[in-house]
Amino acid sequence: FNDYMAKLGEVSDTEIRRFTDLQTALTKRLDHFAAHGCKVSDHALDVVLFAESNEAELDNILARRLAG
């Protein structure tokens, strides 16, 4: 996870420390792929797990995960 976050931050020129940073980095990558002709993707996710949360909780979860 941390290796992926570091690479995502590098290629999107975004320091990922908060959940909004992660959203920004992912949006930049989506924009990059769209600019290069990628308009559709199928990740074949059969189940998407979801739990309602708020920004502070998401920041806390991400910070704990980034800390190892």
PDB file of N, CA and C in Angstrom:
ATOM      1  N   PHE A   1       0.823  -1.190   0.000  1.00  0.00           N
ATOM      2  CA  PHE A   1       0.000   0.000   0.000  1.00  0.00           C
ATOM      3  C   PHE A   1       0.865   1.250   0.000  1.00  0.00           C
ATOM      4  N   ASN A   2       1.834   1.290   0.896  1.00  0.00           N
ATOM      5  CA  ASN A   2       2.677   2.483   0.986  1.00  0.00           C
ATOM      6  C   ASN A   2       3.502   2.693  -0.275  1.00  0.00           C
ATOM      7  N   ASP A   3       3.990   1.606  -0.872  1.00  0.00           N
ATOM      8  CA  ASP A   3       4.719   1.731  -2.137  1.00  0.00           C
ATOM      9  C   ASP A   3       3.812   2.309  -3.221  1.00  0.00           C
ATOM     10  N   TYR A   4       2.565   1.826  -3.270  1.00  0.00           N
ATOM     11  CA  TYR A   4       1.603   2.333  -4.250  1.00  0.00           C
ATOM     12  C   TYR A   4       1.310   3.812  -3.997  1.00  0.00           C
ATOM     13  N   MET A   5       1.099   4.186  -2.749  1.00  0.00           N
ATOM     14  CA  MET A   5       0.822   5.591  -2.426  1.00  0.00           C
ATOM     15  C   MET A   5       2.006   6.488  -2.800  1.00  0.00           C
ATOM     16  N   ALA A   6       3.222   6.001  -2.555  1.00  0.00           N
ATOM     17  CA  ALA A   6       4.416   6.778  -2.907  1.00  0.00           C
ATOM     18  C   ALA A   6       4.502   6.965  -4.421  1.00  0.00           C
ATOM     19  N   LYS A   7       4.252   5.897  -5.177  1.00  0.00           N
ATOM     20  CA  LYS A   7       4.301   5.982  -6.639  1.00  0.00           C
ATOM     21  C   LYS A   7       3.185   6.877  -7.164  1.00  0.00           C
ATOM     22  N   LEU A   8       1.989   6.740  -6.621  1.00  0.00           N
ATOM     23  CA  LEU A   8       0.871   7.590  -7.031  1.00  0.00           C
ATOM     24  C   LEU A   8       1.192   9.053  -6.761  1.00  0.00           C
ATOM     25  N   GLY A   9       1.742   9.338  -5.599  1.00  0.00           N
ATOM     26  CA  GLY A   9       2.130  10.703  -5.270  1.00  0.00           C
ATOM     27  C   GLY A   9       3.171  11.239  -6.231  1.00  0.00           C
ATOM     28  N   GLU A  10       4.133  10.388  -6.579  1.00  0.00           N
ATOM     29  CA  GLU A  10       5.206  10.791  -7.495  1.00  0.00           C
ATOM     30  C   GLU A  10       4.663  11.126  -8.885  1.00  0.00           C
ATOM     31  N   VAL A  11       3.879  10.222  -9.461  1.00  0.00           N
ATOM     32  CA  VAL A  11       3.407  10.433 -10.836  1.00  0.00           C
ATOM     33  C   VAL A  11       2.341  11.515 -10.936  1.00  0.00           C
ATOM     34  N   SER A  12       1.663  11.811  -9.832  1.00  0.00           N
ATOM     35  CA  SER A  12       0.638  12.860  -9.852  1.00  0.00           C
ATOM     36  C   SER A  12       1.153  14.176  -9.288  1.00  0.00           C
ATOM     37  N   ASP A  13       2.424  14.187  -8.870  1.00  0.00           N
ATOM     38  CA  ASP A  13       3.031  15.377  -8.269  1.00  0.00           C
ATOM     39  C   ASP A  13       2.178  15.886  -7.100  1.00  0.00           C
ATOM     40  N   THR A  14       1.806  14.944  -6.228  1.00  0.00           N
ATOM     41  CA  THR A  14       0.949  15.247  -5.086  1.00  0.00           C
ATOM     42  C   THR A  14       1.515  14.581  -3.840  1.00  0.00           C
ATOM     43  N   GLU A  15       1.690  15.335  -2.783  1.00  0.00           N
ATOM     44  CA  GLU A  15       2.100  14.745  -1.506  1.00  0.00           C
ATOM     45  C   GLU A  15       0.842  14.233  -0.817  1.00  0.00           C
ATOM     46  N   ILE A  16       0.743  12.929  -0.648  1.00  0.00           N
ATOM     47  CA  ILE A  16      -0.472  12.314  -0.111  1.00  0.00           C
ATOM     48  C   ILE A  16      -0.328  12.147   1.395  1.00  0.00           C
ATOM     49  N   ARG A  17      -1.021  13.014   2.126  1.00  0.00           N
ATOM     50  CA  ARG A  17      -1.034  12.930   3.586  1.00  0.00           C
ATOM     51  C   ARG A  17      -2.454  12.904   4.139  1.00  0.00           C
ATOM     52  N   ARG A  18      -3.397  13.449   3.388  1.00  0.00           N
ATOM     53  CA  ARG A  18      -4.800  13.494   3.818  1.00  0.00           C
ATOM     54  C   ARG A  18      -5.654  12.830   2.742  1.00  0.00           C
ATOM     55  N   PHE A  19      -6.883  12.511   3.102  1.00  0.00           N
ATOM     56  CA  PHE A  19      -7.767  11.857   2.149  1.00  0.00           C
ATOM     57  C   PHE A  19      -8.020  12.740   0.934  1.00  0.00           C
ATOM     58  N   THR A  20      -8.138  14.045   1.137  1.00  0.00           N
ATOM     59  CA  THR A  20      -8.347  14.945  -0.001  1.00  0.00           C
ATOM     60  C   THR A  20      -7.135  14.936  -0.935  1.00  0.00           C
ATOM     61  N   ASP A  21      -5.932  14.735  -0.389  1.00  0.00           N
ATOM     62  CA  ASP A  21      -4.737  14.601  -1.232  1.00  0.00           C
ATOM     63  C   ASP A  21      -4.850  13.356  -2.109  1.00  0.00           C
ATOM     64  N   LEU A  22      -5.328  12.271  -1.527  1.00  0.00           N
ATOM     65  CA  LEU A  22      -5.515  11.031  -2.274  1.00  0.00           C
ATOM     66  C   LEU A  22      -6.534  11.240  -3.394  1.00  0.00           C
ATOM     67  N   GLN A  23      -7.633  11.910  -3.091  1.00  0.00           N
ATOM     68  CA  GLN A  23      -8.637  12.201  -4.113  1.00  0.00           C
ATOM     69  C   GLN A  23      -8.033  13.044  -5.239  1.00  0.00           C
ATOM     70  N   THR A  24      -7.239  14.038  -4.881  1.00  0.00           N
ATOM     71  CA  THR A  24      -6.595  14.896  -5.874  1.00  0.00           C
ATOM     72  C   THR A  24      -5.672  14.081  -6.770  1.00  0.00           C
ATOM     73  N   ALA A  25      -4.849  13.228  -6.160  1.00  0.00           N
ATOM     74  CA  ALA A  25      -3.917  12.405  -6.930  1.00  0.00           C
ATOM     75  C   ALA A  25      -4.662  11.478  -7.887  1.00  0.00           C
ATOM     76  N   LEU A  26      -5.716  10.848  -7.417  1.00  0.00           N
ATOM     77  CA  LEU A  26      -6.487   9.943  -8.271  1.00  0.00           C
ATOM     78  C   LEU A  26      -7.171  10.697  -9.406  1.00  0.00           C
ATOM     79  N   THR A  27      -7.696  11.877  -9.118  1.00  0.00           N
ATOM     80  CA  THR A  27      -8.325  12.697 -10.156  1.00  0.00           C
ATOM     81  C   THR A  27      -7.309  13.097 -11.216  1.00  0.00           C
ATOM     82  N   LYS A  28      -6.110  13.468 -10.791  1.00  0.00           N
ATOM     83  CA  LYS A  28      -5.055  13.817 -11.755  1.00  0.00           C
ATOM     84  C   LYS A  28      -4.731  12.634 -12.663  1.00  0.00           C
ATOM     85  N   ARG A  29      -4.684  11.435 -12.099  1.00  0.00           N
ATOM     86  CA  ARG A  29      -4.390  10.252 -12.912  1.00  0.00           C
ATOM     87  C   ARG A  29      -5.531   9.950 -13.880  1.00  0.00           C
ATOM     88  N   LEU A  30      -6.778  10.088 -13.419  1.00  0.00           N
ATOM     89  CA  LEU A  30      -7.912   9.892 -14.324  1.00  0.00           C
ATOM     90  C   LEU A  30      -7.863  10.898 -15.464  1.00  0.00           C
ATOM     91  N   ASP A  31      -7.553  12.149 -15.146  1.00  0.00           N
ATOM     92  CA  ASP A  31      -7.435  13.192 -16.172  1.00  0.00           C
ATOM     93  C   ASP A  31      -6.314  12.857 -17.158  1.00  0.00           C
ATOM     94  N   HIS A  32      -5.201  12.349 -16.641  1.00  0.00           N
ATOM     95  CA  HIS A  32      -4.070  11.963 -17.492  1.00  0.00           C
ATOM     96  C   HIS A  32      -4.490  10.868 -18.473  1.00  0.00           C
ATOM     97  N   PHE A  33      -5.147   9.831 -17.973  1.00  0.00           N
ATOM     98  CA  PHE A  33      -5.566   8.738 -18.845  1.00  0.00           C
ATOM     99  C   PHE A  33      -6.598   9.216 -19.863  1.00  0.00           C
ATOM    100  N   ALA A  34      -7.533  10.058 -19.448  1.00  0.00           N
ATOM    101  CA  ALA A  34      -8.530  10.590 -20.375  1.00  0.00           C
ATOM    102  C   ALA A  34      -7.867  11.429 -21.463  1.00  0.00           C
ATOM    103  N   ALA A  35      -6.861  12.213 -21.093  1.00  0.00           N
ATOM    104  CA  ALA A  35      -6.150  13.050 -22.065  1.00  0.00           C
ATOM    105  C   ALA A  35      -5.397  12.212 -23.096  1.00  0.00           C
ATOM    106  N   HIS A  36      -5.121  10.961 -22.754  1.00  0.00           N
ATOM    107  CA  HIS A  36      -4.408  10.071 -23.668  1.00  0.00           C
ATOM    108  C   HIS A  36      -5.333   9.035 -24.316  1.00  0.00           C
ATOM    109  N   GLY A  37      -6.637   9.311 -24.290  1.00  0.00           N
ATOM    110  CA  GLY A  37      -7.586   8.487 -25.024  1.00  0.00           C
ATOM    111  C   GLY A  37      -8.258   7.375 -24.253  1.00  0.00           C
ATOM    112  N   CYS A  38      -7.910   7.186 -22.998  1.00  0.00           N
ATOM    113  CA  CYS A  38      -8.542   6.134 -22.204  1.00  0.00           C
ATOM    114  C   CYS A  38      -9.861   6.668 -21.649  1.00  0.00           C
ATOM    115  N   LYS A  39     -10.956   6.166 -22.170  1.00  0.00           N
ATOM    116  CA  LYS A  39     -12.271   6.669 -21.767  1.00  0.00           C
ATOM    117  C   LYS A  39     -13.065   5.663 -20.941  1.00  0.00           C
ATOM    118  N   VAL A  40     -12.687   4.380 -20.993  1.00  0.00           N
ATOM    119  CA  VAL A  40     -13.446   3.336 -20.312  1.00  0.00           C
ATOM    120  C   VAL A  40     -12.475   2.341 -19.678  1.00  0.00           C
ATOM    121  N   SER A  41     -12.845   1.839 -18.510  1.00  0.00           N
ATOM    122  CA  SER A  41     -12.050   0.809 -17.854  1.00  0.00           C
ATOM    123  C   SER A  41     -12.990  -0.131 -17.116  1.00  0.00           C
ATOM    124  N   ASP A  42     -12.646  -1.403 -17.101  1.00  0.00           N
ATOM    125  CA  ASP A  42     -13.446  -2.398 -16.392  1.00  0.00           C
ATOM    126  C   ASP A  42     -12.546  -3.078 -15.368  1.00  0.00           C
ATOM    127  N   HIS A  43     -12.802  -2.825 -14.108  1.00  0.00           N
ATOM    128  CA  HIS A  43     -12.001  -3.429 -13.049  1.00  0.00           C
ATOM    129  C   HIS A  43     -12.635  -4.709 -12.509  1.00  0.00           C
ATOM    130  N   ALA A  44     -13.807  -5.049 -13.003  1.00  0.00           N
ATOM    131  CA  ALA A  44     -14.496  -6.288 -12.650  1.00  0.00           C
ATOM    132  C   ALA A  44     -14.627  -6.477 -11.142  1.00  0.00           C
ATOM    133  N   LEU A  45     -15.017  -5.430 -10.459  1.00  0.00           N
ATOM    134  CA  LEU A  45     -15.240  -5.536  -9.017  1.00  0.00           C
ATOM    135  C   LEU A  45     -16.612  -6.154  -8.786  1.00  0.00           C
ATOM    136  N   ASP A  46     -16.623  -7.355  -8.254  1.00  0.00           N
ATOM    137  CA  ASP A  46     -17.891  -8.033  -7.997  1.00  0.00           C
ATOM    138  C   ASP A  46     -18.590  -7.471  -6.767  1.00  0.00           C
ATOM    139  N   VAL A  47     -17.801  -7.080  -5.779  1.00  0.00           N
ATOM    140  CA  VAL A  47     -18.348  -6.554  -4.532  1.00  0.00           C
ATOM    141  C   VAL A  47     -17.580  -5.284  -4.174  1.00  0.00           C
ATOM    142  N   VAL A  48     -18.301  -4.245  -3.853  1.00  0.00           N
ATOM    143  CA  VAL A  48     -17.678  -3.010  -3.387  1.00  0.00           C
ATOM    144  C   VAL A  48     -18.101  -2.809  -1.939  1.00  0.00           C
ATOM    145  N   LEU A  49     -17.130  -2.851  -1.039  1.00  0.00           N
ATOM    146  CA  LEU A  49     -17.420  -2.658   0.379  1.00  0.00           C
ATOM    147  C   LEU A  49     -17.505  -1.168   0.669  1.00  0.00           C
ATOM    148  N   PHE A  50     -18.450  -0.776   1.499  1.00  0.00           N
ATOM    149  CA  PHE A  50     -18.671   0.629   1.789  1.00  0.00           C
ATOM    150  C   PHE A  50     -19.069   0.796   3.244  1.00  0.00           C
ATOM    151  N   ALA A  51     -18.503   1.805   3.866  1.00  0.00           N
ATOM    152  CA  ALA A  51     -18.908   2.197   5.216  1.00  0.00           C
ATOM    153  C   ALA A  51     -18.945   3.714   5.248  1.00  0.00           C
ATOM    154  N   GLU A  52     -20.045   4.265   5.716  1.00  0.00           N
ATOM    155  CA  GLU A  52     -20.166   5.721   5.783  1.00  0.00           C
ATOM    156  C   GLU A  52     -19.121   6.280   6.742  1.00  0.00           C
ATOM    157  N   SER A  53     -18.544   7.421   6.369  1.00  0.00           N
ATOM    158  CA  SER A  53     -17.486   8.015   7.171  1.00  0.00           C
ATOM    159  C   SER A  53     -17.490   9.520   6.967  1.00  0.00           C
ATOM    160  N   ASN A  54     -16.621  10.209   7.713  1.00  0.00           N
ATOM    161  CA  ASN A  54     -16.459  11.649   7.508  1.00  0.00           C
ATOM    162  C   ASN A  54     -14.991  11.926   7.201  1.00  0.00           C
ATOM    163  N   GLU A  55     -14.692  13.154   6.803  1.00  0.00           N
ATOM    164  CA  GLU A  55     -13.339  13.490   6.365  1.00  0.00           C
ATOM    165  C   GLU A  55     -12.295  13.278   7.459  1.00  0.00           C
ATOM    166  N   ALA A  56     -12.610  13.638   8.683  1.00  0.00           N
ATOM    167  CA  ALA A  56     -11.651  13.466   9.783  1.00  0.00           C
ATOM    168  C   ALA A  56     -11.330  11.991   9.995  1.00  0.00           C
ATOM    169  N   GLU A  57     -12.339  11.148   9.940  1.00  0.00           N
ATOM    170  CA  GLU A  57     -12.125   9.712  10.117  1.00  0.00           C
ATOM    171  C   GLU A  57     -11.304   9.135   8.960  1.00  0.00           C
ATOM    172  N   LEU A  58     -11.598   9.583   7.742  1.00  0.00           N
ATOM    173  CA  LEU A  58     -10.834   9.117   6.586  1.00  0.00           C
ATOM    174  C   LEU A  58      -9.374   9.553   6.679  1.00  0.00           C
ATOM    175  N   ASP A  59      -9.138  10.780   7.120  1.00  0.00           N
ATOM    176  CA  ASP A  59      -7.764  11.254   7.322  1.00  0.00           C
ATOM    177  C   ASP A  59      -7.042  10.388   8.346  1.00  0.00           C
ATOM    178  N   ASN A  60      -7.737  10.048   9.423  1.00  0.00           N
ATOM    179  CA  ASN A  60      -7.147   9.229  10.478  1.00  0.00           C
ATOM    180  C   ASN A  60      -6.800   7.830   9.971  1.00  0.00           C
ATOM    181  N   ILE A  61      -7.707   7.229   9.232  1.00  0.00           N
ATOM    182  CA  ILE A  61      -7.474   5.888   8.679  1.00  0.00           C
ATOM    183  C   ILE A  61      -6.279   5.913   7.734  1.00  0.00           C
ATOM    184  N   LEU A  62      -6.236   6.894   6.849  1.00  0.00           N
ATOM    185  CA  LEU A  62      -5.134   6.987   5.899  1.00  0.00           C
ATOM    186  C   LEU A  62      -3.811   7.236   6.615  1.00  0.00           C
ATOM    187  N   ALA A  63      -3.803   8.119   7.596  1.00  0.00           N
ATOM    188  CA  ALA A  63      -2.573   8.422   8.341  1.00  0.00           C
ATOM    189  C   ALA A  63      -2.044   7.180   9.055  1.00  0.00           C
ATOM    190  N   ARG A  64      -2.936   6.413   9.669  1.00  0.00           N
ATOM    191  CA  ARG A  64      -2.511   5.179  10.349  1.00  0.00           C
ATOM    192  C   ARG A  64      -1.935   4.180   9.356  1.00  0.00           C
ATOM    193  N   ARG A  65      -2.565   4.070   8.214  1.00  0.00           N
ATOM    194  CA  ARG A  65      -2.089   3.109   7.201  1.00  0.00           C
ATOM    195  C   ARG A  65      -0.749   3.551   6.632  1.00  0.00           C
ATOM    196  N   LEU A  66      -0.585   4.834   6.382  1.00  0.00           N
ATOM    197  CA  LEU A  66       0.683   5.338   5.858  1.00  0.00           C
ATOM    198  C   LEU A  66       1.811   5.195   6.878  1.00  0.00           C
ATOM    199  N   ALA A  67       1.456   5.235   8.157  1.00  0.00           N
ATOM    200  CA  ALA A  67       2.456   5.097   9.222  1.00  0.00           C
ATOM    201  C   ALA A  67       2.888   3.642   9.411  1.00  0.00           C
ATOM    202  N   GLY A  68       2.133   2.734   8.824  1.00  0.00           N
ATOM    203  CA  GLY A  68       2.493   1.319   8.924  1.00  0.00           C
ATOM    204  C   GLY A  68       1.734   0.664  10.002  1.00  0.00           C
TER     205      GLY A  68
END
